[in-house]
Every structure is written in C-alpha cells, then in structure tokens.
Amino acid sequence: MNNFRERKSYFILFLAISLFAAGCSEENAAGFGEIKDITAEAALKIYRACQYTNGNFCEDECCRAAEKCNGEIAYRECDLEAGEWKNGVFSDSDCSSACEADIDNEDNKIENKLELNQKKCIEGWKCISKSERSYRNLDCSFGETQRCNSGCMNDTCIRSCNPGNFSCRKDALQICDDNGEGWKFYMNCAYGCENSTCIQAAQSNQTQNTTQPSQKECSSACFSVTNFHYDAEGNDNNNLNDEYVTIKNSCSFSCDLSGWEISDAASHKYSISNFILADRNEFTLYSGDGAGSASQLYWKRKQAVWNNNDGDTLYLKNQDGELIFSQSYS
C-alpha cells in the first residue's frame, strides 16, 4: 500500500510540474497540447484502485473477487473514484450477472436459524421404538431413555400388572414389581392361595381345603448369580466364551428350566430347552459357541451381549413369561 501511495504522489508531483511548465511555455503548449487538457482529478481517477486483503490491487471496474459464486469464480465491482469495493458479487467478468444463489443461500441460513430458534416441542416421554421410550425436551432434543420390557404404546410403557398387586400361582403368592413389568414370588401359602391371597387355617377348615403347601416352587428364592463375567479379556466380540454368567439353584429340589428364557436390558433373548438344574447346583451360560452339558449352556451369539461400561440387567423368566429373577450391575 505504501508503494502505491508513493507512486501516486510522484506522479501527481510530476504532473503538476508538467502543467505548470505547459502554462509558461508556448513551445510546451504547442508540443503537449494533449497534456494541457488532463486535470489532476482525472489523473487520480486513472490510478485509483481497490486493494485485496493480500496487498494486491484491482485497477479495473470489474475484477475477480475473493468470494465464490456457487463454488465457481466470482467478480466484484471496484469504485475507481473512491478506491473501494462496491457491494454485490457477480458470476461474470463484466459484473452484469449478480450471483443470486449466494444471496438465496444466505437468506436460507437466516430463515433456518429463525425456525430453529422458534421450534418448540411438547416436553415429556415419547415412544421411540416398540420397546423403548425417551424423554423429549422443549428444544426437541432427547434425554433419558427407558426400556419397556412389555412394549411401548401411546408414549407409555405397557404394564403387565399394577405395581403392588398380588396374584396366585399355584400355592404361591406373587406380587407385581415396581415397574408393572411382571410378577415376582412373594411367599408360599401353607394352606393354598386363592383370590390373590393366602388361605388362612380357619378358612381352610371351613372349606375343607386339603391343599398342602408347595415344597417345589422354583421361585426367586431359589436363584442367584454367583459370577457375572460381563467384561471379557480383550475385545469382547473376539472372546465370546470369556463373557459368561453363572446361576445357582439354592433350593433343595431340582428346577426344570425347559422353556425358560434369559434376556438382557436390550431384549437379547436366550431360550433354554430340555434343561433341569439340580438342587444346590449351578450352570454357566457362555455368550459364544460350544457343546452344552449339565452345567454349561451356550448362547451361540456372534457378538457380545452384556454391556461393560453402561451396566446391564439379567432377567430370568419361566415358560409362561413370568419374571422369576433379575440381577443388575452398573
């Protein structure tokens, strides 16, 4: 920029001297008649220019611009009188065709931003799949996600029962869990169970109920997890049989688990077939493949099932789909 100013100053000084000399000499007037008509203002106009950010100059009325027009070369007008760029971007070197697309894009950005700021959602739970729902915020973003084991409908987890209610299953009294997702063993009824309550001794005599208390109820009291090895060594997906869970039957009688089901919080399911767990015995369920036995079962999955960092829950359900036992970790 300093070189440009110096060059302009020298030219003005030279021009002024020339004009002065032309006015004082007839010979100069005759020989430089054309210079006589050039004013200082006209000379400045010729050497006015618009400067780029890199220090270069545009000395034409239409020059290549630093901006783009739809990804292509763009042009801008230079005001040679003021030495400043004019507003507007053009797609041609004559600066006659305005780059309308860029203007439209900018308008769209502003419009989209306004729509985003004005966009509001109704806050509350919303079903995001058949078995999950998530809490939607006022800005339409989603937060906490909840698993619905019995399914999600009308933005509500479907209940299998009402929490706290009782029901009879043979001679045992069951209670609905806190989430209404299934029944859990509550207690054995010595004189039988009827109308969602245990029959009392006096009532049993009056009705001549001869039912004896069940001694072989495979309830939640029988089962426990003795080893939950959910984080296999190395990459879980490459070491599936190092991901396993061991379940024990602590009751004094065998439990026929044929048709029972083991699942996780994401509803990955393993169906048990033709398997009896002897009293005081335990079995291990491996995520990978192998030959089953009286103490070993294999899920035969291709990928790991149990979460390592986010926690998970094991569900054990009987052949009727009733929740018998669950175990969580975090």
Protein backbone atom coordinates (compact mmCIF):
# COMPACT_ATOMS: atom_id res chain seq x y z
CA MET A 1 0.00 0.00 0.00
CA ASN A 2 2.91 2.41 0.82
CA ASN A 3 4.50 1.76 -2.63
CA PHE A 4 1.19 2.56 -4.25
CA ARG A 5 0.88 5.87 -2.35
CA GLU A 6 4.48 6.85 -3.16
CA ARG A 7 3.96 6.04 -6.81
CA LYS A 8 0.78 8.12 -6.86
CA SER A 9 2.50 11.06 -5.10
CA TYR A 10 5.41 11.08 -7.55
CA PHE A 11 3.02 11.02 -10.46
CA ILE A 12 0.99 13.96 -9.09
CA LEU A 13 4.16 15.98 -8.50
CA PHE A 14 5.38 15.20 -11.99
CA LEU A 15 2.02 16.12 -13.47
CA ALA A 16 1.82 19.38 -11.56
CA ILE A 17 5.28 20.40 -12.76
CA SER A 18 4.35 19.50 -16.31
CA LEU A 19 1.14 21.51 -16.18
CA PHE A 20 2.98 24.46 -14.73
CA ALA A 21 5.62 24.27 -17.40
CA ALA A 22 2.97 23.95 -20.09
CA GLY A 23 1.28 27.11 -18.91
CA CYS A 24 4.54 29.09 -19.01
CA SER A 25 5.96 27.97 -22.35
CA GLU A 26 4.40 28.35 -25.77
CA GLU A 27 6.68 25.63 -27.06
CA ASN A 28 5.37 23.18 -24.46
CA ALA A 29 1.84 24.30 -25.13
CA ALA A 30 2.29 23.52 -28.75
CA GLY A 31 4.13 20.27 -28.24
CA PHE A 32 1.99 18.84 -25.40
CA GLY A 33 -1.45 20.05 -26.30
CA GLU A 34 -3.00 16.79 -25.06
CA ILE A 35 -1.42 17.08 -21.59
CA LYS A 36 -2.90 20.52 -21.34
CA ASP A 37 -6.40 19.02 -21.12
CA ILE A 38 -5.56 16.43 -18.35
CA THR A 39 -6.56 17.61 -14.88
CA ALA A 40 -5.16 16.37 -11.57
CA GLU A 41 -8.57 14.84 -10.75
CA ALA A 42 -8.52 12.86 -13.99
CA ALA A 43 -5.02 11.64 -13.27
CA LEU A 44 -6.02 10.46 -9.80
CA LYS A 45 -9.01 8.61 -11.25
CA ILE A 46 -6.76 6.69 -13.62
CA TYR A 47 -4.52 5.47 -10.82
CA ARG A 48 -7.18 4.78 -8.21
CA ALA A 49 -7.59 1.07 -7.40
CA CYS A 50 -9.23 -1.36 -4.96
CA GLN A 51 -6.95 -3.34 -2.72
CA TYR A 52 -7.23 -7.07 -1.96
CA THR A 53 -6.53 -8.41 1.51
CA ASN A 54 -3.23 -9.90 0.27
CA GLY A 55 -1.96 -6.44 -0.73
CA ASN A 56 -2.56 -6.69 -4.48
CA PHE A 57 -4.69 -4.15 -6.38
CA CYS A 58 -7.57 -4.21 -8.82
CA GLU A 59 -7.30 -1.32 -11.30
CA ASP A 60 -10.38 -2.24 -13.38
CA GLU A 61 -14.03 -1.57 -12.76
CA CYS A 62 -14.75 -5.32 -12.55
CA CYS A 63 -12.19 -7.66 -11.02
CA ARG A 64 -12.00 -11.19 -9.73
CA ALA A 65 -13.35 -11.43 -6.16
CA ALA A 66 -12.05 -13.32 -3.15
CA GLU A 67 -15.52 -14.84 -2.69
CA LYS A 68 -17.01 -17.76 -4.63
CA CYS A 69 -20.27 -17.96 -6.59
CA ASN A 70 -21.76 -21.44 -6.24
CA GLY A 71 -18.25 -22.77 -5.82
CA GLU A 72 -17.03 -21.03 -9.01
CA ILE A 73 -15.01 -17.87 -9.69
CA ALA A 74 -16.83 -14.67 -8.70
CA TYR A 75 -16.31 -10.99 -9.57
CA ARG A 76 -16.83 -7.67 -7.78
CA GLU A 77 -17.06 -4.04 -8.92
CA CYS A 78 -14.35 -1.55 -7.98
CA ASP A 79 -15.25 2.11 -7.48
CA LEU A 80 -12.22 3.78 -9.07
CA GLU A 81 -13.38 7.20 -7.84
CA ALA A 82 -13.27 6.15 -4.19
CA GLY A 83 -10.84 3.25 -4.46
CA GLU A 84 -13.35 0.97 -2.69
CA TRP A 85 -15.17 -2.26 -3.50
CA LYS A 86 -18.86 -1.98 -4.29
CA ASN A 87 -21.44 -4.30 -2.73
CA GLY A 88 -22.55 -7.39 -4.59
CA VAL A 89 -20.94 -10.46 -6.12
CA PHE A 90 -21.22 -11.35 -9.81
CA SER A 91 -20.81 -14.56 -11.78
CA ASP A 92 -19.31 -12.93 -14.91
CA SER A 93 -16.26 -10.77 -15.65
CA ASP A 94 -18.50 -7.89 -16.82
CA CYS A 95 -20.13 -7.64 -13.37
CA SER A 96 -23.53 -7.76 -15.03
CA SER A 97 -24.99 -11.02 -13.63
CA ALA A 98 -25.46 -10.97 -9.87
CA CYS A 99 -24.75 -14.19 -8.02
CA GLU A 100 -28.31 -14.74 -6.83
CA ALA A 101 -27.66 -18.24 -5.47
CA ASP A 102 -25.32 -16.95 -2.77
CA ILE A 103 -27.92 -14.46 -1.69
CA ASP A 104 -30.55 -17.20 -1.58
CA ASN A 105 -28.26 -19.45 0.44
CA GLU A 106 -27.63 -16.69 2.96
CA ASP A 107 -31.35 -16.00 3.22
CA ASN A 108 -31.98 -19.72 3.75
CA LYS A 109 -29.39 -19.83 6.53
CA ILE A 110 -31.06 -16.93 8.31
CA GLU A 111 -34.52 -18.45 7.80
CA ASN A 112 -33.40 -21.87 9.07
CA LYS A 113 -31.79 -20.26 12.11
CA LEU A 114 -35.00 -18.43 12.90
CA GLU A 115 -37.02 -21.62 12.50
CA LEU A 116 -34.62 -23.47 14.81
CA ASN A 117 -34.91 -20.77 17.47
CA GLN A 118 -38.69 -20.80 17.20
CA LYS A 119 -39.01 -24.59 17.11
CA LYS A 120 -40.56 -25.97 20.28
CA CYS A 121 -41.72 -29.44 21.29
CA ILE A 122 -44.07 -30.73 23.94
CA GLU A 123 -41.97 -31.88 26.87
CA GLY A 124 -42.47 -35.44 28.09
CA TRP A 125 -41.93 -39.14 27.37
CA LYS A 126 -42.22 -40.37 23.79
CA CYS A 127 -42.03 -43.91 22.33
CA ILE A 128 -39.01 -44.13 20.06
CA SER A 129 -39.44 -47.84 19.27
CA LYS A 130 -41.72 -50.74 20.14
CA SER A 131 -39.78 -51.39 23.33
CA GLU A 132 -38.18 -48.05 24.28
CA ARG A 133 -39.21 -44.52 25.14
CA SER A 134 -37.15 -41.37 25.65
CA TYR A 135 -37.77 -38.06 27.43
CA ARG A 136 -38.13 -35.21 24.91
CA ASN A 137 -37.15 -31.69 25.99
CA LEU A 138 -38.71 -28.38 24.96
CA ASP A 139 -35.95 -27.83 22.38
CA CYS A 140 -36.89 -31.19 20.80
CA SER A 141 -33.70 -32.92 21.97
CA PHE A 142 -33.94 -36.30 23.73
CA GLY A 143 -32.53 -37.14 27.14
CA GLU A 144 -33.10 -40.16 29.37
CA THR A 145 -34.12 -43.40 27.64
CA GLN A 146 -36.21 -46.08 29.34
CA ARG A 147 -36.60 -49.74 28.39
CA CYS A 148 -40.19 -51.05 28.25
CA ASN A 149 -39.99 -54.82 28.67
CA SER A 150 -43.66 -55.29 27.84
CA GLY A 151 -43.61 -52.79 24.98
CA CYS A 152 -44.26 -49.06 24.48
CA MET A 153 -47.62 -47.67 23.34
CA ASN A 154 -49.02 -44.13 23.36
CA ASP A 155 -45.71 -42.91 24.84
CA THR A 156 -46.26 -45.16 27.88
CA CYS A 157 -44.60 -48.40 28.92
CA ILE A 158 -47.19 -51.16 28.75
CA ARG A 159 -47.78 -52.76 32.13
CA SER A 160 -48.24 -56.46 32.62
CA CYS A 161 -49.74 -55.78 36.05
CA ASN A 162 -50.33 -52.99 38.54
CA PRO A 163 -47.37 -52.42 40.89
CA GLY A 164 -48.02 -53.79 44.38
CA ASN A 165 -50.92 -56.03 43.35
CA PHE A 166 -50.96 -59.71 44.34
CA SER A 167 -51.91 -62.82 42.41
CA CYS A 168 -51.86 -66.56 42.99
CA ARG A 169 -49.68 -69.00 41.11
CA LYS A 170 -50.48 -72.48 42.38
CA ASP A 171 -49.81 -72.32 46.13
CA ALA A 172 -47.54 -69.29 45.97
CA LEU A 173 -48.43 -65.63 46.31
CA GLN A 174 -46.90 -63.30 43.72
CA ILE A 175 -46.51 -59.54 43.73
CA CYS A 176 -46.31 -57.17 40.76
CA ASP A 177 -42.92 -55.45 40.57
CA ASP A 178 -42.45 -51.70 40.96
CA ASN A 179 -42.47 -51.07 37.20
CA GLY A 180 -45.54 -53.19 36.48
CA GLU A 181 -43.46 -55.33 34.12
CA GLY A 182 -44.12 -58.73 35.67
CA TRP A 183 -44.87 -60.89 38.70
CA LYS A 184 -42.31 -61.87 41.34
CA PHE A 185 -42.51 -64.54 44.00
CA TYR A 186 -43.71 -63.11 47.31
CA MET A 187 -44.32 -66.06 49.62
CA ASN A 188 -45.51 -69.66 49.82
CA CYS A 189 -49.02 -70.17 51.16
CA ALA A 190 -49.18 -73.04 53.68
CA TYR A 191 -52.87 -73.72 53.02
CA GLY A 192 -53.04 -72.68 49.39
CA CYS A 193 -53.62 -69.43 47.50
CA GLU A 194 -56.98 -68.12 46.36
CA ASN A 195 -58.35 -64.77 45.18
CA SER A 196 -54.89 -63.17 45.29
CA THR A 197 -54.35 -64.05 48.95
CA CYS A 198 -53.10 -66.92 51.06
CA ILE A 199 -55.84 -69.10 52.56
CA GLN A 200 -55.86 -68.96 56.35
CA ALA A 201 -56.02 -72.09 58.52
CA ALA A 202 -59.58 -71.42 59.73
CA GLN A 203 -60.77 -70.75 56.21
CA SER A 204 -59.08 -73.92 55.08
CA ASN A 205 -61.00 -75.97 57.66
CA GLN A 206 -64.29 -74.33 56.74
CA THR A 207 -63.84 -75.04 53.05
CA GLN A 208 -62.21 -78.40 53.75
CA ASN A 209 -59.29 -77.35 51.63
CA THR A 210 -56.79 -80.19 51.74
CA THR A 211 -54.13 -78.48 49.61
CA GLN A 212 -50.71 -78.77 51.15
CA PRO A 213 -48.07 -76.06 50.86
CA SER A 214 -45.90 -76.35 47.78
CA GLN A 215 -42.46 -77.64 48.53
CA LYS A 216 -41.11 -77.38 44.98
CA GLU A 217 -41.83 -73.84 43.89
CA CYS A 218 -38.89 -72.67 41.76
CA SER A 219 -39.22 -69.05 42.79
CA SER A 220 -36.78 -66.14 43.05
CA ALA A 221 -35.68 -67.54 46.41
CA CYS A 222 -34.01 -70.42 44.55
CA PHE A 223 -31.86 -68.44 42.14
CA SER A 224 -28.81 -66.24 42.47
CA VAL A 225 -25.95 -65.09 40.25
CA THR A 226 -22.64 -66.34 41.61
CA ASN A 227 -20.41 -64.99 38.84
CA PHE A 228 -21.20 -62.29 36.29
CA HIS A 229 -18.17 -62.08 34.00
CA TYR A 230 -19.54 -59.46 31.58
CA ASP A 231 -16.18 -57.97 30.52
CA ALA A 232 -14.17 -60.50 28.54
CA GLU A 233 -10.43 -60.17 28.17
CA GLY A 234 -9.51 -58.05 25.16
CA ASN A 235 -12.21 -57.38 22.59
CA ASP A 236 -15.43 -58.98 23.87
CA ASN A 237 -16.61 -59.77 20.35
CA ASN A 238 -13.43 -61.78 19.70
CA ASN A 239 -13.53 -63.65 23.02
CA LEU A 240 -17.21 -64.53 23.46
CA ASN A 241 -16.70 -67.52 25.75
CA ASP A 242 -14.87 -65.32 28.25
CA GLU A 243 -18.18 -63.44 28.63
CA TYR A 244 -20.47 -65.53 30.80
CA VAL A 245 -22.84 -65.61 33.78
CA THR A 246 -23.21 -68.36 36.38
CA ILE A 247 -26.61 -69.01 38.03
CA LYS A 248 -27.14 -71.23 41.06
CA ASN A 249 -30.18 -73.16 42.35
CA SER A 250 -30.02 -72.87 46.14
CA CYS A 251 -33.24 -74.80 46.76
CA SER A 252 -33.32 -78.42 47.96
CA PHE A 253 -35.14 -79.60 44.83
CA SER A 254 -34.47 -79.58 41.10
CA CYS A 255 -35.92 -76.94 38.79
CA ASP A 256 -37.00 -77.80 35.27
CA LEU A 257 -35.91 -74.77 33.23
CA SER A 258 -37.13 -76.12 29.90
CA GLY A 259 -38.84 -73.29 28.00
CA TRP A 260 -37.43 -70.65 30.36
CA GLU A 261 -35.75 -67.54 29.00
CA ILE A 262 -32.73 -65.40 29.88
CA SER A 263 -32.53 -61.87 28.47
CA ASP A 264 -30.73 -58.57 28.97
CA ALA A 265 -31.94 -54.95 29.13
CA ALA A 266 -31.78 -54.71 25.33
CA SER A 267 -34.09 -57.74 24.93
CA HIS A 268 -31.44 -60.10 23.58
CA LYS A 269 -33.04 -63.48 24.43
CA TYR A 270 -31.72 -66.96 25.07
CA SER A 271 -34.29 -69.78 25.26
CA ILE A 272 -33.44 -72.76 27.46
CA SER A 273 -34.51 -76.15 26.10
CA ASN A 274 -34.59 -79.55 27.83
CA PHE A 275 -32.59 -78.50 30.86
CA ILE A 276 -33.01 -79.42 34.51
CA LEU A 277 -30.97 -77.64 37.14
CA ALA A 278 -30.38 -79.99 40.06
CA ASP A 279 -30.70 -78.80 43.65
CA ARG A 280 -27.68 -76.95 45.05
CA ASN A 281 -26.15 -76.98 41.55
CA GLU A 282 -25.29 -74.18 39.18
CA PHE A 283 -24.84 -73.67 35.45
CA THR A 284 -22.86 -71.21 33.33
CA LEU A 285 -24.24 -69.53 30.21
CA TYR A 286 -21.48 -68.55 27.76
CA SER A 287 -22.12 -65.96 25.06
CA GLY A 288 -20.19 -67.92 22.44
CA ASP A 289 -20.48 -71.38 20.88
CA GLY A 290 -19.80 -74.79 22.38
CA ALA A 291 -21.19 -78.18 23.38
CA GLY A 292 -23.80 -77.93 26.14
CA SER A 293 -23.79 -80.08 29.29
CA ALA A 294 -25.50 -80.35 32.67
CA SER A 295 -23.54 -77.34 33.87
CA GLN A 296 -22.73 -75.42 30.68
CA LEU A 297 -25.01 -73.69 28.18
CA TYR A 298 -24.00 -71.68 25.09
CA TRP A 299 -25.86 -68.69 23.67
CA LYS A 300 -24.08 -69.10 20.29
CA ARG A 301 -24.02 -65.39 19.58
CA LYS A 302 -21.80 -63.68 17.03
CA GLN A 303 -21.41 -60.56 19.17
CA ALA A 304 -21.07 -59.79 22.87
CA VAL A 305 -24.33 -59.31 24.78
CA TRP A 306 -23.53 -57.89 28.22
CA ASN A 307 -22.57 -54.19 28.46
CA ASN A 308 -19.21 -53.34 30.03
CA ASN A 309 -19.42 -49.65 30.94
CA ASP A 310 -23.11 -48.73 30.98
CA GLY A 311 -24.37 -51.55 33.18
CA ASP A 312 -26.98 -54.16 32.32
CA THR A 313 -29.69 -56.38 33.81
CA LEU A 314 -30.23 -60.14 33.57
CA TYR A 315 -33.85 -61.33 33.51
CA LEU A 316 -34.92 -64.96 34.14
CA LYS A 317 -38.48 -65.74 33.07
CA ASN A 318 -40.38 -69.02 33.24
CA GLN A 319 -42.20 -70.79 30.41
CA ASP A 320 -45.26 -68.57 30.98
CA GLY A 321 -43.19 -65.39 30.53
CA GLU A 322 -43.38 -64.52 34.22
CA LEU A 323 -40.38 -62.76 35.70
CA ILE A 324 -38.82 -65.06 38.30
CA PHE A 325 -35.49 -63.40 38.97
CA SER A 326 -33.40 -60.42 37.86
CA GLN A 327 -29.87 -59.23 38.58
CA SER A 328 -28.41 -55.81 37.67
CA TYR A 329 -24.93 -54.35 37.68
CA SER A 330 -23.54 -50.93 36.87
